[in-house]
PDB file of N, CA and C in Angstrom:
ATOM      1  N   UNK A   1     -14.691  -2.945 -38.178  1.00  0.00           N
ATOM      2  CA  UNK A   1     -13.927  -3.008 -36.941  1.00  0.00           C
ATOM      3  C   UNK A   1     -12.881  -1.900 -36.973  1.00  0.00           C
ATOM      4  N   UNK A   2     -12.754  -1.172 -35.879  1.00  0.00           N
ATOM      5  CA  UNK A   2     -11.839  -0.031 -35.860  1.00  0.00           C
ATOM      6  C   UNK A   2     -10.392  -0.486 -35.824  1.00  0.00           C
ATOM      7  N   UNK A   3      -9.523   0.374 -36.316  1.00  0.00           N
ATOM      8  CA  UNK A   3      -8.090   0.109 -36.324  1.00  0.00           C
ATOM      9  C   UNK A   3      -7.574  -0.046 -34.898  1.00  0.00           C
ATOM     10  N   UNK A   4      -8.056   0.801 -33.966  1.00  0.00           N
ATOM     11  CA  UNK A   4      -7.628   0.714 -32.579  1.00  0.00           C
ATOM     12  C   UNK A   4      -8.010  -0.643 -31.988  1.00  0.00           C
ATOM     13  N   UNK A   5      -9.227  -1.080 -32.260  1.00  0.00           N
ATOM     14  CA  UNK A   5      -9.672  -2.374 -31.746  1.00  0.00           C
ATOM     15  C   UNK A   5      -8.795  -3.506 -32.287  1.00  0.00           C
ATOM     16  N   UNK A   6      -8.518  -3.481 -33.569  1.00  0.00           N
ATOM     17  CA  UNK A   6      -7.686  -4.531 -34.176  1.00  0.00           C
ATOM     18  C   UNK A   6      -6.280  -4.543 -33.594  1.00  0.00           C
ATOM     19  N   UNK A   7      -5.707  -3.364 -33.399  1.00  0.00           N
ATOM     20  CA  UNK A   7      -4.346  -3.279 -32.824  1.00  0.00           C
ATOM     21  C   UNK A   7      -4.332  -3.799 -31.394  1.00  0.00           C
ATOM     22  N   UNK A   8      -5.361  -3.465 -30.621  1.00  0.00           N
ATOM     23  CA  UNK A   8      -5.415  -3.941 -29.238  1.00  0.00           C
ATOM     24  C   UNK A   8      -5.622  -5.449 -29.192  1.00  0.00           C
ATOM     25  N   UNK A   9      -6.432  -5.956 -30.076  1.00  0.00           N
ATOM     26  CA  UNK A   9      -6.643  -7.417 -30.117  1.00  0.00           C
ATOM     27  C   UNK A   9      -5.341  -8.143 -30.470  1.00  0.00           C
ATOM     28  N   UNK A  10      -4.615  -7.626 -31.426  1.00  0.00           N
ATOM     29  CA  UNK A  10      -3.334  -8.223 -31.794  1.00  0.00           C
ATOM     30  C   UNK A  10      -2.342  -8.119 -30.628  1.00  0.00           C
ATOM     31  N   UNK A  11      -2.339  -6.969 -29.939  1.00  0.00           N
ATOM     32  CA  UNK A  11      -1.432  -6.793 -28.809  1.00  0.00           C
ATOM     33  C   UNK A  11      -1.745  -7.788 -27.693  1.00  0.00           C
ATOM     34  N   UNK A  12      -3.018  -8.033 -27.432  1.00  0.00           N
ATOM     35  CA  UNK A  12      -3.398  -9.009 -26.414  1.00  0.00           C
ATOM     36  C   UNK A  12      -2.965 -10.404 -26.846  1.00  0.00           C
ATOM     37  N   UNK A  13      -3.256 -10.758 -28.067  1.00  0.00           N
ATOM     38  CA  UNK A  13      -2.929 -12.101 -28.575  1.00  0.00           C
ATOM     39  C   UNK A  13      -1.431 -12.358 -28.578  1.00  0.00           C
ATOM     40  N   UNK A  14      -0.645 -11.324 -28.879  1.00  0.00           N
ATOM     41  CA  UNK A  14       0.807 -11.502 -28.997  1.00  0.00           C
ATOM     42  C   UNK A  14       1.560 -11.031 -27.757  1.00  0.00           C
ATOM     43  N   UNK A  15       0.859 -10.511 -26.758  1.00  0.00           N
ATOM     44  CA  UNK A  15       1.451  -9.937 -25.536  1.00  0.00           C
ATOM     45  C   UNK A  15       2.499  -8.898 -25.897  1.00  0.00           C
ATOM     46  N   UNK A  16       2.055  -7.927 -26.689  1.00  0.00           N
ATOM     47  CA  UNK A  16       2.899  -6.809 -27.110  1.00  0.00           C
ATOM     48  C   UNK A  16       2.306  -5.519 -26.566  1.00  0.00           C
ATOM     49  N   UNK A  17       3.168  -4.570 -26.258  1.00  0.00           N
ATOM     50  CA  UNK A  17       2.718  -3.246 -25.787  1.00  0.00           C
ATOM     51  C   UNK A  17       2.177  -2.442 -26.973  1.00  0.00           C
ATOM     52  N   UNK A  18       1.353  -1.451 -26.658  1.00  0.00           N
ATOM     53  CA  UNK A  18       0.846  -0.547 -27.666  1.00  0.00           C
ATOM     54  C   UNK A  18       1.032   0.893 -27.189  1.00  0.00           C
ATOM     55  N   UNK A  19       1.213   1.757 -28.119  1.00  0.00           N
ATOM     56  CA  UNK A  19       1.247   3.187 -27.879  1.00  0.00           C
ATOM     57  C   UNK A  19      -0.090   3.742 -28.355  1.00  0.00           C
ATOM     58  N   UNK A  20      -0.751   4.558 -27.506  1.00  0.00           N
ATOM     59  CA  UNK A  20      -2.046   5.124 -27.860  1.00  0.00           C
ATOM     60  C   UNK A  20      -2.127   6.573 -27.408  1.00  0.00           C
ATOM     61  N   UNK A  21      -3.005   7.326 -28.046  1.00  0.00           N
ATOM     62  CA  UNK A  21      -3.294   8.686 -27.583  1.00  0.00           C
ATOM     63  C   UNK A  21      -4.499   8.570 -26.655  1.00  0.00           C
ATOM     64  N   UNK A  22      -4.369   9.138 -25.434  1.00  0.00           N
ATOM     65  CA  UNK A  22      -5.420   9.062 -24.419  1.00  0.00           C
ATOM     66  C   UNK A  22      -5.446  10.399 -23.690  1.00  0.00           C
ATOM     67  N   UNK A  23      -6.580  11.062 -23.719  1.00  0.00           N
ATOM     68  CA  UNK A  23      -6.716  12.385 -23.061  1.00  0.00           C
ATOM     69  C   UNK A  23      -5.649  13.372 -23.507  1.00  0.00           C
ATOM     70  N   UNK A  24      -5.300  13.348 -24.778  1.00  0.00           N
ATOM     71  CA  UNK A  24      -4.351  14.292 -25.347  1.00  0.00           C
ATOM     72  C   UNK A  24      -2.889  13.916 -25.184  1.00  0.00           C
ATOM     73  N   UNK A  25      -2.598  12.847 -24.453  1.00  0.00           N
ATOM     74  CA  UNK A  25      -1.214  12.434 -24.252  1.00  0.00           C
ATOM     75  C   UNK A  25      -0.984  11.072 -24.909  1.00  0.00           C
ATOM     76  N   UNK A  26       0.251  10.795 -25.265  1.00  0.00           N
ATOM     77  CA  UNK A  26       0.587   9.486 -25.787  1.00  0.00           C
ATOM     78  C   UNK A  26       1.108   8.647 -24.621  1.00  0.00           C
ATOM     79  N   UNK A  27       0.486   7.485 -24.434  1.00  0.00           N
ATOM     80  CA  UNK A  27       0.887   6.578 -23.359  1.00  0.00           C
ATOM     81  C   UNK A  27       1.151   5.193 -23.917  1.00  0.00           C
ATOM     82  N   UNK A  28       1.862   4.391 -23.138  1.00  0.00           N
ATOM     83  CA  UNK A  28       2.169   3.011 -23.546  1.00  0.00           C
ATOM     84  C   UNK A  28       1.399   2.083 -22.616  1.00  0.00           C
ATOM     85  N   UNK A  29       0.663   1.134 -23.211  1.00  0.00           N
ATOM     86  CA  UNK A  29      -0.135   0.191 -22.441  1.00  0.00           C
ATOM     87  C   UNK A  29       0.285  -1.237 -22.705  1.00  0.00           C
ATOM     88  N   UNK A  30       0.095  -2.072 -21.674  1.00  0.00           N
ATOM     89  CA  UNK A  30       0.250  -3.513 -21.798  1.00  0.00           C
ATOM     90  C   UNK A  30      -1.148  -4.108 -21.648  1.00  0.00           C
ATOM     91  N   UNK A  31      -1.886  -4.292 -22.759  1.00  0.00           N
ATOM     92  CA  UNK A  31      -3.274  -4.746 -22.660  1.00  0.00           C
ATOM     93  C   UNK A  31      -3.376  -6.211 -22.300  1.00  0.00           C
ATOM     94  N   UNK A  32      -4.184  -6.492 -21.283  1.00  0.00           N
ATOM     95  CA  UNK A  32      -4.370  -7.868 -20.796  1.00  0.00           C
ATOM     96  C   UNK A  32      -5.709  -8.456 -21.229  1.00  0.00           C
ATOM     97  N   UNK A  33      -6.731  -7.613 -21.405  1.00  0.00           N
ATOM     98  CA  UNK A  33      -8.090  -8.133 -21.589  1.00  0.00           C
ATOM     99  C   UNK A  33      -8.941  -7.082 -22.310  1.00  0.00           C
ATOM    100  N   UNK A  34      -9.770  -7.560 -23.242  1.00  0.00           N
ATOM    101  CA  UNK A  34     -10.742  -6.710 -23.927  1.00  0.00           C
ATOM    102  C   UNK A  34     -12.126  -7.202 -23.519  1.00  0.00           C
ATOM    103  N   UNK A  35     -12.985  -6.250 -23.080  1.00  0.00           N
ATOM    104  CA  UNK A  35     -14.317  -6.633 -22.646  1.00  0.00           C
ATOM    105  C   UNK A  35     -15.362  -5.597 -23.045  1.00  0.00           C
ATOM    106  N   UNK A  36     -16.616  -6.023 -22.985  1.00  0.00           N
ATOM    107  CA  UNK A  36     -17.729  -5.148 -23.329  1.00  0.00           C
ATOM    108  C   UNK A  36     -18.561  -4.883 -22.068  1.00  0.00           C
ATOM    109  N   UNK A  37     -18.932  -3.615 -21.889  1.00  0.00           N
ATOM    110  CA  UNK A  37     -19.798  -3.209 -20.767  1.00  0.00           C
ATOM    111  C   UNK A  37     -20.859  -2.264 -21.313  1.00  0.00           C
ATOM    112  N   UNK A  38     -22.093  -2.648 -21.182  1.00  0.00           N
ATOM    113  CA  UNK A  38     -23.244  -1.813 -21.630  1.00  0.00           C
ATOM    114  C   UNK A  38     -23.078  -1.391 -23.091  1.00  0.00           C
ATOM    115  N   UNK A  39     -22.577  -2.286 -23.931  1.00  0.00           N
ATOM    116  CA  UNK A  39     -22.433  -2.023 -25.360  1.00  0.00           C
ATOM    117  C   UNK A  39     -21.172  -1.281 -25.744  1.00  0.00           C
ATOM    118  N   UNK A  40     -20.341  -0.884 -24.763  1.00  0.00           N
ATOM    119  CA  UNK A  40     -19.093  -0.174 -25.053  1.00  0.00           C
ATOM    120  C   UNK A  40     -17.913  -1.114 -24.827  1.00  0.00           C
ATOM    121  N   UNK A  41     -16.868  -0.949 -25.626  1.00  0.00           N
ATOM    122  CA  UNK A  41     -15.663  -1.764 -25.476  1.00  0.00           C
ATOM    123  C   UNK A  41     -14.654  -1.073 -24.559  1.00  0.00           C
ATOM    124  N   UNK A  42     -14.017  -1.879 -23.728  1.00  0.00           N
ATOM    125  CA  UNK A  42     -12.981  -1.416 -22.808  1.00  0.00           C
ATOM    126  C   UNK A  42     -11.794  -2.348 -22.905  1.00  0.00           C
ATOM    127  N   UNK A  43     -10.616  -1.817 -22.573  1.00  0.00           N
ATOM    128  CA  UNK A  43      -9.426  -2.641 -22.443  1.00  0.00           C
ATOM    129  C   UNK A  43      -8.950  -2.515 -21.005  1.00  0.00           C
ATOM    130  N   UNK A  44      -8.597  -3.650 -20.418  1.00  0.00           N
ATOM    131  CA  UNK A  44      -8.020  -3.701 -19.084  1.00  0.00           C
ATOM    132  C   UNK A  44      -6.520  -3.800 -19.315  1.00  0.00           C
ATOM    133  N   UNK A  45      -5.766  -2.769 -18.959  1.00  0.00           N
ATOM    134  CA  UNK A  45      -4.358  -2.718 -19.324  1.00  0.00           C
ATOM    135  C   UNK A  45      -3.512  -2.062 -18.243  1.00  0.00           C
ATOM    136  N   UNK A  46      -2.247  -2.411 -18.224  1.00  0.00           N
ATOM    137  CA  UNK A  46      -1.276  -1.790 -17.360  1.00  0.00           C
ATOM    138  C   UNK A  46      -0.721  -0.577 -18.089  1.00  0.00           C
ATOM    139  N   UNK A  47      -0.742   0.583 -17.423  1.00  0.00           N
ATOM    140  CA  UNK A  47      -0.203   1.799 -18.005  1.00  0.00           C
ATOM    141  C   UNK A  47       1.304   1.794 -17.758  1.00  0.00           C
ATOM    142  N   UNK A  48       2.060   1.488 -18.792  1.00  0.00           N
ATOM    143  CA  UNK A  48       3.520   1.422 -18.691  1.00  0.00           C
ATOM    144  C   UNK A  48       4.158   2.801 -18.636  1.00  0.00           C
ATOM    145  N   UNK A  49       3.409   3.850 -18.947  1.00  0.00           N
ATOM    146  CA  UNK A  49       3.925   5.216 -18.918  1.00  0.00           C
ATOM    147  C   UNK A  49       3.841   5.826 -17.526  1.00  0.00           C
ATOM    148  N   UNK A  50       3.079   5.207 -16.647  1.00  0.00           N
ATOM    149  CA  UNK A  50       2.869   5.735 -15.299  1.00  0.00           C
ATOM    150  C   UNK A  50       4.070   5.416 -14.421  1.00  0.00           C
ATOM    151  N   UNK A  51       4.450   6.352 -13.583  1.00  0.00           N
ATOM    152  CA  UNK A  51       5.529   6.137 -12.629  1.00  0.00           C
ATOM    153  C   UNK A  51       4.952   5.501 -11.378  1.00  0.00           C
ATOM    154  N   UNK A  52       5.113   4.202 -11.247  1.00  0.00           N
ATOM    155  CA  UNK A  52       4.627   3.472 -10.064  1.00  0.00           C
ATOM    156  C   UNK A  52       5.678   3.584  -8.981  1.00  0.00           C
ATOM    157  N   UNK A  53       5.227   3.796  -7.737  1.00  0.00           N
ATOM    158  CA  UNK A  53       6.176   3.910  -6.612  1.00  0.00           C
ATOM    159  C   UNK A  53       6.845   2.576  -6.315  1.00  0.00           C
ATOM    160  N   UNK A  54       6.107   1.489  -6.493  1.00  0.00           N
ATOM    161  CA  UNK A  54       6.673   0.174  -6.231  1.00  0.00           C
ATOM    162  C   UNK A  54       6.043  -0.837  -7.189  1.00  0.00           C
ATOM    163  N   UNK A  55       6.769  -1.910  -7.462  1.00  0.00           N
ATOM    164  CA  UNK A  55       6.272  -2.948  -8.369  1.00  0.00           C
ATOM    165  C   UNK A  55       4.932  -3.517  -7.914  1.00  0.00           C
ATOM    166  N   UNK A  56       4.758  -3.685  -6.599  1.00  0.00           N
ATOM    167  CA  UNK A  56       3.526  -4.295  -6.096  1.00  0.00           C
ATOM    168  C   UNK A  56       2.325  -3.371  -6.163  1.00  0.00           C
ATOM    169  N   UNK A  57       2.537  -2.077  -6.469  1.00  0.00           N
ATOM    170  CA  UNK A  57       1.414  -1.139  -6.647  1.00  0.00           C
ATOM    171  C   UNK A  57       0.823  -1.180  -8.061  1.00  0.00           C
ATOM    172  N   UNK A  58       1.552  -1.772  -8.982  1.00  0.00           N
ATOM    173  CA  UNK A  58       1.094  -1.794 -10.373  1.00  0.00           C
ATOM    174  C   UNK A  58      -0.206  -2.575 -10.457  1.00  0.00           C
ATOM    175  N   UNK A  59      -1.173  -2.003 -11.164  1.00  0.00           N
ATOM    176  CA  UNK A  59      -2.454  -2.666 -11.364  1.00  0.00           C
ATOM    177  C   UNK A  59      -3.031  -2.286 -12.722  1.00  0.00           C
ATOM    178  N   UNK A  60      -4.006  -3.055 -13.172  1.00  0.00           N
ATOM    179  CA  UNK A  60      -4.641  -2.808 -14.461  1.00  0.00           C
ATOM    180  C   UNK A  60      -5.667  -1.696 -14.322  1.00  0.00           C
ATOM    181  N   UNK A  61      -5.697  -0.837 -15.308  1.00  0.00           N
ATOM    182  CA  UNK A  61      -6.715   0.212 -15.393  1.00  0.00           C
ATOM    183  C   UNK A  61      -7.668  -0.125 -16.520  1.00  0.00           C
ATOM    184  N   UNK A  62      -8.833   0.516 -16.493  1.00  0.00           N
ATOM    185  CA  UNK A  62      -9.840   0.307 -17.547  1.00  0.00           C
ATOM    186  C   UNK A  62      -9.840   1.535 -18.461  1.00  0.00           C
ATOM    187  N   UNK A  63      -9.711   1.275 -19.760  1.00  0.00           N
ATOM    188  CA  UNK A  63      -9.691   2.342 -20.747  1.00  0.00           C
ATOM    189  C   UNK A  63     -10.766   2.071 -21.776  1.00  0.00           C
ATOM    190  N   UNK A  64     -11.670   3.042 -21.947  1.00  0.00           N
ATOM    191  CA  UNK A  64     -12.731   2.912 -22.944  1.00  0.00           C
ATOM    192  C   UNK A  64     -12.113   3.077 -24.331  1.00  0.00           C
ATOM    193  N   UNK A  65     -12.383   2.152 -25.213  1.00  0.00           N
ATOM    194  CA  UNK A  65     -11.803   2.200 -26.547  1.00  0.00           C
ATOM    195  C   UNK A  65     -12.153   3.475 -27.299  1.00  0.00           C
ATOM    196  N   UNK A  66     -13.340   3.997 -27.066  1.00  0.00           N
ATOM    197  CA  UNK A  66     -13.748   5.238 -27.750  1.00  0.00           C
ATOM    198  C   UNK A  66     -12.819   6.400 -27.393  1.00  0.00           C
ATOM    199  N   UNK A  67     -12.132   6.328 -26.251  1.00  0.00           N
ATOM    200  CA  UNK A  67     -11.223   7.382 -25.828  1.00  0.00           C
ATOM    201  C   UNK A  67      -9.786   7.172 -26.223  1.00  0.00           C
ATOM    202  N   UNK A  68      -9.499   6.083 -26.912  1.00  0.00           N
ATOM    203  CA  UNK A  68      -8.141   5.773 -27.360  1.00  0.00           C
ATOM    204  C   UNK A  68      -8.014   6.026 -28.854  1.00  0.00           C
ATOM    205  N   UNK A  69      -6.889   6.559 -29.267  1.00  0.00           N
ATOM    206  CA  UNK A  69      -6.679   6.796 -30.694  1.00  0.00           C
ATOM    207  C   UNK A  69      -5.217   6.608 -31.051  1.00  0.00           C
ATOM    208  N   UNK A  70      -4.966   6.593 -32.344  1.00  0.00           N
ATOM    209  CA  UNK A  70      -3.610   6.490 -32.898  1.00  0.00           C
ATOM    210  C   UNK A  70      -2.835   5.312 -32.328  1.00  0.00           C
ATOM    211  N   UNK A  71      -3.492   4.167 -32.252  1.00  0.00           N
ATOM    212  CA  UNK A  71      -2.852   2.957 -31.688  1.00  0.00           C
ATOM    213  C   UNK A  71      -1.730   2.468 -32.600  1.00  0.00           C
ATOM    214  N   UNK A  72      -0.593   2.166 -31.982  1.00  0.00           N
ATOM    215  CA  UNK A  72       0.558   1.617 -32.708  1.00  0.00           C
ATOM    216  C   UNK A  72       1.042   0.385 -31.931  1.00  0.00           C
ATOM    217  N   UNK A  73       1.080  -0.736 -32.600  1.00  0.00           N
ATOM    218  CA  UNK A  73       1.594  -1.963 -31.984  1.00  0.00           C
ATOM    219  C   UNK A  73       3.112  -1.859 -31.897  1.00  0.00           C
ATOM    220  N   UNK A  74       3.647  -2.092 -30.708  1.00  0.00           N
ATOM    221  CA  UNK A  74       5.097  -2.010 -30.481  1.00  0.00           C
ATOM    222  C   UNK A  74       5.708  -3.417 -30.463  1.00  0.00           C
ATOM    223  N   UNK A  75       6.979  -3.502 -30.681  1.00  0.00           N
ATOM    224  CA  UNK A  75       7.665  -4.800 -30.623  1.00  0.00           C
ATOM    225  C   UNK A  75       7.948  -5.225 -29.191  1.00  0.00           C
ATOM    226  N   UNK A  76       7.836  -4.311 -28.268  1.00  0.00           N
ATOM    227  CA  UNK A  76       8.109  -4.590 -26.850  1.00  0.00           C
ATOM    228  C   UNK A  76       7.061  -5.551 -26.275  1.00  0.00           C
ATOM    229  N   UNK A  77       7.521  -6.675 -25.796  1.00  0.00           N
ATOM    230  CA  UNK A  77       6.626  -7.630 -25.168  1.00  0.00           C
ATOM    231  C   UNK A  77       6.462  -7.339 -23.693  1.00  0.00           C
ATOM    232  N   UNK A  78       5.536  -8.040 -23.058  1.00  0.00           N
ATOM    233  CA  UNK A  78       5.331  -7.889 -21.624  1.00  0.00           C
ATOM    234  C   UNK A  78       4.825  -9.205 -21.055  1.00  0.00           C
ATOM    235  N   UNK A  79       5.038  -9.365 -19.768  1.00  0.00           N
ATOM    236  CA  UNK A  79       4.514 -10.515 -19.037  1.00  0.00           C
ATOM    237  C   UNK A  79       3.283 -10.047 -18.266  1.00  0.00           C
ATOM    238  N   UNK A  80       2.262 -10.872 -18.181  1.00  0.00           N
ATOM    239  CA  UNK A  80       1.081 -10.483 -17.398  1.00  0.00           C
ATOM    240  C   UNK A  80       1.454 -10.217 -15.943  1.00  0.00           C
ATOM    241  N   UNK A  81       0.687  -9.339 -15.307  1.00  0.00           N
ATOM    242  CA  UNK A  81       0.903  -9.094 -13.882  1.00  0.00           C
ATOM    243  C   UNK A  81       0.744 -10.401 -13.115  1.00  0.00           C
ATOM    244  N   UNK A  82       1.523 -10.615 -12.069  1.00  0.00           N
ATOM    245  CA  UNK A  82       1.470 -11.887 -11.337  1.00  0.00           C
ATOM    246  C   UNK A  82       0.056 -12.252 -10.814  1.00  0.00           C
ATOM    247  N   UNK A  83      -0.695 -11.289 -10.368  1.00  0.00           N
ATOM    248  CA  UNK A  83      -2.019 -11.567  -9.813  1.00  0.00           C
ATOM    249  C   UNK A  83      -3.123 -11.553 -10.866  1.00  0.00           C
ATOM    250  N   UNK A  84      -2.763 -11.408 -12.127  1.00  0.00           N
ATOM    251  CA  UNK A  84      -3.744 -11.289 -13.204  1.00  0.00           C
ATOM    252  C   UNK A  84      -4.610 -12.542 -13.333  1.00  0.00           C
ATOM    253  N   UNK A  85      -5.925 -12.326 -13.455  1.00  0.00           N
ATOM    254  CA  UNK A  85      -6.870 -13.381 -13.723  1.00  0.00           C
ATOM    255  C   UNK A  85      -7.619 -12.993 -14.986  1.00  0.00           C
ATOM    256  N   UNK A  86      -7.779 -13.904 -15.926  1.00  0.00           N
ATOM    257  CA  UNK A  86      -8.419 -13.601 -17.216  1.00  0.00           C
ATOM    258  C   UNK A  86      -9.933 -13.556 -17.072  1.00  0.00           C
ATOM    259  N   UNK A  87     -10.405 -12.609 -16.273  1.00  0.00           N
ATOM    260  CA  UNK A  87     -11.847 -12.414 -16.050  1.00  0.00           C
ATOM    261  C   UNK A  87     -12.155 -10.933 -16.146  1.00  0.00           C
ATOM    262  N   UNK A  88     -13.301 -10.579 -16.711  1.00  0.00           N
ATOM    263  CA  UNK A  88     -13.676  -9.176 -16.756  1.00  0.00           C
ATOM    264  C   UNK A  88     -13.838  -8.626 -15.339  1.00  0.00           C
ATOM    265  N   UNK A  89     -13.694  -7.281 -15.188  1.00  0.00           N
ATOM    266  CA  UNK A  89     -13.765  -6.678 -13.849  1.00  0.00           C
ATOM    267  C   UNK A  89     -15.084  -6.899 -13.113  1.00  0.00           C
ATOM    268  N   UNK A  90     -16.208  -6.910 -13.825  1.00  0.00           N
ATOM    269  CA  UNK A  90     -17.522  -7.075 -13.202  1.00  0.00           C
ATOM    270  C   UNK A  90     -18.204  -8.312 -13.781  1.00  0.00           C
ATOM    271  N   UNK A  91     -19.042  -8.970 -12.983  1.00  0.00           N
ATOM    272  CA  UNK A  91     -19.735 -10.162 -13.468  1.00  0.00           C
ATOM    273  C   UNK A  91     -20.599  -9.918 -14.710  1.00  0.00           C
ATOM    274  N   UNK A  92     -21.152  -8.731 -14.843  1.00  0.00           N
ATOM    275  CA  UNK A  92     -22.027  -8.449 -15.990  1.00  0.00           C
ATOM    276  C   UNK A  92     -21.251  -8.051 -17.254  1.00  0.00           C
ATOM    277  N   UNK A  93     -19.924  -7.844 -17.151  1.00  0.00           N
ATOM    278  CA  UNK A  93     -19.092  -7.535 -18.319  1.00  0.00           C
ATOM    279  C   UNK A  93     -18.929  -8.784 -19.172  1.00  0.00           C
ATOM    280  N   UNK A  94     -18.823  -8.580 -20.483  1.00  0.00           N
ATOM    281  CA  UNK A  94     -18.672  -9.697 -21.430  1.00  0.00           C
ATOM    282  C   UNK A  94     -17.226  -9.765 -21.924  1.00  0.00           C
ATOM    283  N   UNK A  95     -16.577 -10.871 -21.682  1.00  0.00           N
ATOM    284  CA  UNK A  95     -15.201 -11.082 -22.125  1.00  0.00           C
ATOM    285  C   UNK A  95     -15.160 -11.206 -23.656  1.00  0.00           C
ATOM    286  N   UNK A  96     -14.253 -10.475 -24.269  1.00  0.00           N
ATOM    287  CA  UNK A  96     -14.028 -10.549 -25.717  1.00  0.00           C
ATOM    288  C   UNK A  96     -12.753 -11.319 -26.015  1.00  0.00           C
ATOM    289  N   UNK A  97     -11.651 -10.927 -25.355  1.00  0.00           N
ATOM    290  CA  UNK A  97     -10.355 -11.541 -25.602  1.00  0.00           C
ATOM    291  C   UNK A  97      -9.456 -11.291 -24.403  1.00  0.00           C
ATOM    292  N   UNK A  98      -8.675 -12.287 -24.028  1.00  0.00           N
ATOM    293  CA  UNK A  98      -7.751 -12.144 -22.907  1.00  0.00           C
ATOM    294  C   UNK A  98      -6.483 -12.915 -23.165  1.00  0.00           C
ATOM    295  N   UNK A  99      -5.401 -12.512 -22.507  1.00  0.00           N
ATOM    296  CA  UNK A  99      -4.146 -13.273 -22.596  1.00  0.00           C
ATOM    297  C   UNK A  99      -4.217 -14.416 -21.609  1.00  0.00           C
TER     298      UNK A  99
END
């Protein structure tokens, strides 16, 4: 099991933010759900590094685990988005872990 996968699983279980390298930049995520699609792992997470214009615009993005690196579990906790439902984005996706 990869270190990134383990860190994300712990972050979901403990509702802690993680710092990851994604597309060459370091970003902070609030991971809500880990799921599998066509044999690949994805995390459904709020990008805490993104400048949202308004609180109600915030939404979960999908990040392929293969594209994430250098995961660091942070002490910063987070609350799930108000409209969050612990279901994978598509019916054919397989739920692995959710808050």
